[in-house]
């Protein structure tokens, strides 16, 4: 199982200058992937900006959004942004997307939270059209340079329709920030959806989990704050599932390995760059 590390782009009121430094240190430490969390209505740094910054600060490490709230974006604009991030990184981006669930993240006129699932189905076709280099806006020009590739897609999913979409359109599935036993169940549903869609290859299964080593209490409080918009029950569950300290982190790694995750991305509860070397010493 590969081990990635998240960027602290959604730690409340972080110093944004930490992001490129964090990315460079994570690559040097040997992590497989840099991940981002995405929301609009929170005082952090946009996942697209964080990924672009990480792309410029690194040359080898993978880049993953886990997950970007795609239906909050105008599809042509997002497709070009993502193609640019993938291009400047040399083809290191994997797009992890979800449909979102909080009204305050849907701020673009005409793109409300209602109908977001059906809208995403249409948006996915737009992304592929843009990445193919087809003309946009009724004119002769494409939006992206020659050589732009189809960005690999992973999906977060909770509903039956979302799992079917993932199996139809995606390369894999991203589990929610939940205990390994709960994620194992969603992995099984993803595998079943892939089989029912007659996919010959197995889905890429990615898990995400939060960690803190230097200040566990602060890390747990930061994670609780981020998820509090979803209600106390959800915030308590996710924050309570944060792996605090080296032994807990190692146990988490083993648990996700045991359920068949191909990769585990450990997201930071605190925006302290020293957490990178602490985590690397524990699990790499």
Protein backbone atom coordinates (compact mmCIF):
# COMPACT_ATOMS: atom_id res chain seq x y z
CA UNK A 1 0.00 0.00 0.00
CA UNK A 2 1.29 3.45 -0.93
CA UNK A 3 1.38 6.19 1.71
CA UNK A 4 0.56 9.77 0.77
CA UNK A 5 0.23 12.92 2.83
CA UNK A 6 -2.30 15.72 2.64
CA UNK A 7 -1.54 19.39 2.22
CA UNK A 8 -2.86 21.54 5.09
CA UNK A 9 -4.89 23.72 2.71
CA UNK A 10 -8.04 23.54 4.82
CA UNK A 11 -6.56 23.96 8.29
CA UNK A 12 -8.37 27.05 9.54
CA UNK A 13 -6.48 30.29 8.91
CA UNK A 14 -3.24 28.59 7.90
CA UNK A 15 -0.34 30.65 6.58
CA UNK A 16 -0.66 29.95 2.82
CA UNK A 17 3.11 30.20 2.31
CA UNK A 18 3.42 26.81 4.04
CA UNK A 19 1.88 24.99 1.06
CA UNK A 20 4.79 25.01 -1.43
CA UNK A 21 7.28 24.36 1.39
CA UNK A 22 5.13 21.48 2.65
CA UNK A 23 4.93 20.00 -0.85
CA UNK A 24 8.69 20.09 -1.40
CA UNK A 25 9.42 18.51 1.98
CA UNK A 26 6.83 15.78 1.44
CA UNK A 27 8.37 14.84 -1.89
CA UNK A 28 11.85 14.77 -0.35
CA UNK A 29 10.55 12.55 2.48
CA UNK A 30 9.30 9.98 -0.02
CA UNK A 31 5.51 10.14 0.20
CA UNK A 32 3.62 8.83 -2.83
CA UNK A 33 1.05 11.59 -3.18
CA UNK A 34 0.06 15.05 -2.01
CA UNK A 35 -3.66 15.39 -1.35
CA UNK A 36 -6.03 18.32 -0.93
CA UNK A 37 -9.39 18.79 0.76
CA UNK A 38 -11.89 21.01 -1.01
CA UNK A 39 -14.50 23.46 0.24
CA UNK A 40 -15.35 27.04 -0.69
CA UNK A 41 -17.00 28.31 2.49
CA UNK A 42 -14.07 27.85 4.83
CA UNK A 43 -11.01 30.04 5.59
CA UNK A 44 -8.39 27.95 3.79
CA UNK A 45 -6.76 27.78 0.36
CA UNK A 46 -8.63 26.46 -2.67
CA UNK A 47 -7.73 22.92 -3.64
CA UNK A 48 -6.94 23.99 -7.21
CA UNK A 49 -4.57 26.70 -5.97
CA UNK A 50 -2.93 24.33 -3.50
CA UNK A 51 -2.44 21.67 -6.20
CA UNK A 52 -0.98 24.21 -8.63
CA UNK A 53 1.39 25.46 -5.96
CA UNK A 54 2.43 21.91 -5.13
CA UNK A 55 2.96 21.14 -8.81
CA UNK A 56 5.38 24.04 -9.11
CA UNK A 57 7.29 23.11 -5.96
CA UNK A 58 7.81 19.43 -6.85
CA UNK A 59 8.77 17.22 -9.77
CA UNK A 60 7.87 13.61 -8.92
CA UNK A 61 5.20 13.21 -6.24
CA UNK A 62 1.60 12.50 -7.27
CA UNK A 63 -1.16 15.10 -6.84
CA UNK A 64 -4.69 14.18 -5.76
CA UNK A 65 -7.83 16.11 -4.86
CA UNK A 66 -9.78 14.16 -2.24
CA UNK A 67 -12.32 15.39 -3.01
CA UNK A 68 -12.94 18.42 -5.19
CA UNK A 69 -16.58 19.54 -5.20
CA UNK A 70 -16.96 19.53 -8.98
CA UNK A 71 -20.62 20.69 -9.32
CA UNK A 72 -19.78 23.96 -7.55
CA UNK A 73 -17.69 24.95 -10.60
CA UNK A 74 -18.64 26.02 -14.14
CA UNK A 75 -17.51 22.92 -16.04
CA UNK A 76 -15.55 24.54 -18.85
CA UNK A 77 -13.60 26.69 -16.41
CA UNK A 78 -12.81 23.77 -14.11
CA UNK A 79 -11.77 21.53 -17.01
CA UNK A 80 -9.22 24.12 -18.16
CA UNK A 81 -7.93 24.73 -14.63
CA UNK A 82 -7.38 21.03 -14.08
CA UNK A 83 -5.73 20.53 -17.46
CA UNK A 84 -3.34 23.34 -16.57
CA UNK A 85 -2.45 21.83 -13.21
CA UNK A 86 -1.89 18.44 -14.82
CA UNK A 87 0.16 20.00 -17.59
CA UNK A 88 2.51 22.05 -15.45
CA UNK A 89 3.03 19.03 -13.17
CA UNK A 90 4.03 16.83 -16.09
CA UNK A 91 0.94 14.63 -15.85
CA UNK A 92 0.92 13.96 -12.10
CA UNK A 93 -2.67 14.95 -11.27
CA UNK A 94 -5.44 12.53 -10.33
CA UNK A 95 -8.81 14.20 -9.96
CA UNK A 96 -10.83 12.98 -7.00
CA UNK A 97 -14.33 14.44 -7.14
CA UNK A 98 -17.56 14.43 -5.20
CA UNK A 99 -20.90 16.21 -5.52
CA UNK A 100 -20.81 18.20 -2.26
CA UNK A 101 -23.50 18.51 0.36
CA UNK A 102 -23.35 21.97 1.94
CA UNK A 103 -25.40 24.86 0.55
CA UNK A 104 -22.77 27.48 1.39
CA UNK A 105 -20.25 25.94 -1.02
CA UNK A 106 -22.54 26.53 -4.01
CA UNK A 107 -21.96 30.23 -4.68
CA UNK A 108 -22.01 30.43 -8.51
CA UNK A 109 -25.24 31.77 -10.00
CA UNK A 110 -27.17 28.99 -11.66
CA UNK A 111 -25.17 26.22 -9.96
CA UNK A 112 -27.19 25.47 -6.85
CA UNK A 113 -26.99 22.39 -4.69
CA UNK A 114 -30.19 21.11 -6.31
CA UNK A 115 -29.67 18.80 -9.26
CA UNK A 116 -25.94 18.55 -8.67
CA UNK A 117 -25.75 14.81 -9.39
CA UNK A 118 -27.37 15.06 -12.80
CA UNK A 119 -25.31 18.17 -13.51
CA UNK A 120 -22.12 16.26 -12.74
CA UNK A 121 -23.01 13.61 -15.31
CA UNK A 122 -23.17 16.35 -17.95
CA UNK A 123 -20.07 18.10 -16.60
CA UNK A 124 -17.99 14.94 -16.96
CA UNK A 125 -18.69 14.92 -20.68
CA UNK A 126 -17.64 18.56 -20.86
CA UNK A 127 -14.35 17.81 -19.10
CA UNK A 128 -13.54 15.05 -21.56
CA UNK A 129 -14.44 17.24 -24.53
CA UNK A 130 -12.19 20.04 -23.30
CA UNK A 131 -9.30 17.66 -22.60
CA UNK A 132 -9.67 16.19 -26.11
CA UNK A 133 -9.02 19.66 -27.50
CA UNK A 134 -12.44 20.16 -29.04
CA UNK A 135 -13.41 23.80 -29.84
CA UNK A 136 -15.21 25.74 -27.12
CA UNK A 137 -17.59 28.69 -27.08
CA UNK A 138 -18.76 28.26 -30.65
CA UNK A 139 -15.41 29.41 -32.02
CA UNK A 140 -12.48 27.65 -33.67
CA UNK A 141 -10.21 27.35 -30.64
CA UNK A 142 -9.80 24.66 -28.02
CA UNK A 143 -9.24 25.65 -24.40
CA UNK A 144 -6.11 23.56 -23.85
CA UNK A 145 -2.77 22.95 -25.60
CA UNK A 146 -2.06 20.00 -27.86
CA UNK A 147 -0.95 16.99 -25.85
CA UNK A 148 -3.41 17.55 -22.99
CA UNK A 149 -4.39 14.19 -21.56
CA UNK A 150 -7.56 12.81 -20.02
CA UNK A 151 -7.00 13.36 -16.29
CA UNK A 152 -7.58 10.15 -14.26
CA UNK A 153 -10.78 10.27 -12.23
CA UNK A 154 -11.54 8.89 -8.77
CA UNK A 155 -14.93 9.35 -7.14
CA UNK A 156 -16.17 9.74 -3.63
CA UNK A 157 -19.60 8.13 -3.35
CA UNK A 158 -22.32 7.45 -0.81
CA UNK A 159 -25.43 6.72 -2.89
CA UNK A 160 -26.16 3.91 -5.32
CA UNK A 161 -26.26 6.40 -8.20
CA UNK A 162 -22.85 7.79 -7.21
CA UNK A 163 -21.27 4.32 -7.08
CA UNK A 164 -22.70 3.55 -10.52
CA UNK A 165 -21.29 6.83 -11.83
CA UNK A 166 -17.89 5.97 -10.38
CA UNK A 167 -17.89 2.56 -12.06
CA UNK A 168 -19.08 4.04 -15.35
CA UNK A 169 -16.77 7.04 -15.52
CA UNK A 170 -13.90 6.55 -13.10
CA UNK A 171 -10.62 4.80 -12.49
CA UNK A 172 -11.33 4.21 -8.82
CA UNK A 173 -12.98 5.16 -5.56
CA UNK A 174 -12.02 7.33 -2.58
CA UNK A 175 -13.34 6.34 0.83
CA UNK A 176 -14.64 8.94 3.24
CA UNK A 177 -12.74 10.07 6.36
CA UNK A 178 -14.28 7.31 8.43
CA UNK A 179 -13.04 4.34 10.50
CA UNK A 180 -11.49 1.50 8.47
CA UNK A 181 -14.43 -0.83 9.11
CA UNK A 182 -16.85 1.65 7.54
CA UNK A 183 -14.50 2.30 4.62
CA UNK A 184 -14.18 -1.46 4.06
CA UNK A 185 -17.92 -1.62 3.44
CA UNK A 186 -17.76 1.16 0.86
CA UNK A 187 -14.78 -0.54 -0.82
CA UNK A 188 -16.92 -3.67 -1.15
CA UNK A 189 -19.74 -1.64 -2.71
CA UNK A 190 -17.27 -0.09 -5.15
CA UNK A 191 -15.92 -3.49 -6.15
CA UNK A 192 -19.48 -4.73 -6.69
CA UNK A 193 -20.34 -1.67 -8.81
CA UNK A 194 -17.25 -2.26 -10.96
CA UNK A 195 -18.24 -5.89 -11.50
CA UNK A 196 -21.84 -4.97 -12.35
CA UNK A 197 -20.54 -2.44 -14.89
CA UNK A 198 -18.49 -5.23 -16.52
CA UNK A 199 -15.25 -3.43 -15.80
CA UNK A 200 -12.38 -5.82 -16.38
CA UNK A 201 -9.90 -3.97 -14.20
CA UNK A 202 -10.29 -3.58 -10.44
CA UNK A 203 -10.99 -0.09 -9.10
CA UNK A 204 -8.13 1.86 -7.57
CA UNK A 205 -9.11 2.13 -3.91
CA UNK A 206 -7.85 5.14 -1.97
CA UNK A 207 -8.43 5.79 1.73
CA UNK A 208 -7.97 9.04 3.63
CA UNK A 209 -7.44 9.53 7.35
CA UNK A 210 -6.37 12.42 9.57
CA UNK A 211 -3.32 12.40 11.83
CA UNK A 212 -1.48 14.58 14.33
CA UNK A 213 1.75 13.95 16.21
CA UNK A 214 3.13 17.23 17.56
CA UNK A 215 -0.14 18.52 19.04
CA UNK A 216 -2.85 15.89 18.95
CA UNK A 217 -5.47 17.95 20.79
CA UNK A 218 -5.06 20.88 18.40
CA UNK A 219 -5.19 18.55 15.42
CA UNK A 220 -8.40 16.96 16.63
CA UNK A 221 -9.94 20.38 17.31
CA UNK A 222 -9.02 21.61 13.82
CA UNK A 223 -10.58 18.57 12.16
CA UNK A 224 -13.72 18.93 14.30
CA UNK A 225 -13.99 22.58 13.28
CA UNK A 226 -13.72 21.76 9.57
CA UNK A 227 -16.47 19.13 9.72
CA UNK A 228 -18.72 20.97 12.17
CA UNK A 229 -20.78 22.39 9.29
CA UNK A 230 -22.01 18.83 8.71
CA UNK A 231 -23.29 18.57 12.27
CA UNK A 232 -21.90 17.52 15.63
CA UNK A 233 -22.34 13.80 14.99
CA UNK A 234 -20.24 13.85 11.83
CA UNK A 235 -17.63 16.17 13.34
CA UNK A 236 -17.32 13.97 16.43
CA UNK A 237 -16.91 10.85 14.29
CA UNK A 238 -14.24 12.25 11.96
CA UNK A 239 -12.30 14.06 14.68
CA UNK A 240 -12.52 11.04 16.94
CA UNK A 241 -11.07 8.94 14.14
CA UNK A 242 -7.94 11.14 13.89
CA UNK A 243 -4.84 9.05 14.57
CA UNK A 244 -2.96 10.79 17.35
CA UNK A 245 0.66 9.80 17.86
CA UNK A 246 2.98 7.32 16.21
CA UNK A 247 1.47 4.09 17.52
CA UNK A 248 -2.06 5.09 16.55
CA UNK A 249 -0.91 6.09 13.07
CA UNK A 250 0.86 2.78 12.54
CA UNK A 251 -2.26 0.94 13.63
CA UNK A 252 -4.31 2.98 11.16
CA UNK A 253 -1.91 2.18 8.33
CA UNK A 254 -2.16 -1.54 9.09
CA UNK A 255 -5.96 -1.41 9.29
CA UNK A 256 -6.29 0.19 5.86
CA UNK A 257 -3.74 -2.18 4.40
CA UNK A 258 -5.79 -5.08 5.79
CA UNK A 259 -8.97 -3.93 4.01
CA UNK A 260 -7.23 -3.75 0.65
CA UNK A 261 -6.55 -0.04 0.15
CA UNK A 262 -4.14 0.63 -2.69
CA UNK A 263 -3.14 3.94 -1.15
CA UNK A 264 -3.70 5.78 2.12
CA UNK A 265 -3.42 9.55 2.21
CA UNK A 266 -2.87 10.86 5.74
CA UNK A 267 -4.22 14.38 6.12
CA UNK A 268 -2.67 16.76 8.65
CA UNK A 269 -4.64 18.07 11.57
CA UNK A 270 -2.13 20.89 12.08
CA UNK A 271 -0.22 22.99 9.55
CA UNK A 272 3.21 22.42 11.11
CA UNK A 273 5.77 21.31 8.48
CA UNK A 274 7.60 19.29 11.13
CA UNK A 275 4.64 16.90 10.97
CA UNK A 276 6.02 15.71 7.61
CA UNK A 277 9.24 14.29 9.01
CA UNK A 278 7.43 12.97 12.09
CA UNK A 279 5.01 11.08 9.89
CA UNK A 280 7.72 9.86 7.54
CA UNK A 281 9.71 8.48 10.47
CA UNK A 282 6.60 6.62 11.65
CA UNK A 283 5.35 5.03 8.44
CA UNK A 284 7.89 5.19 5.60
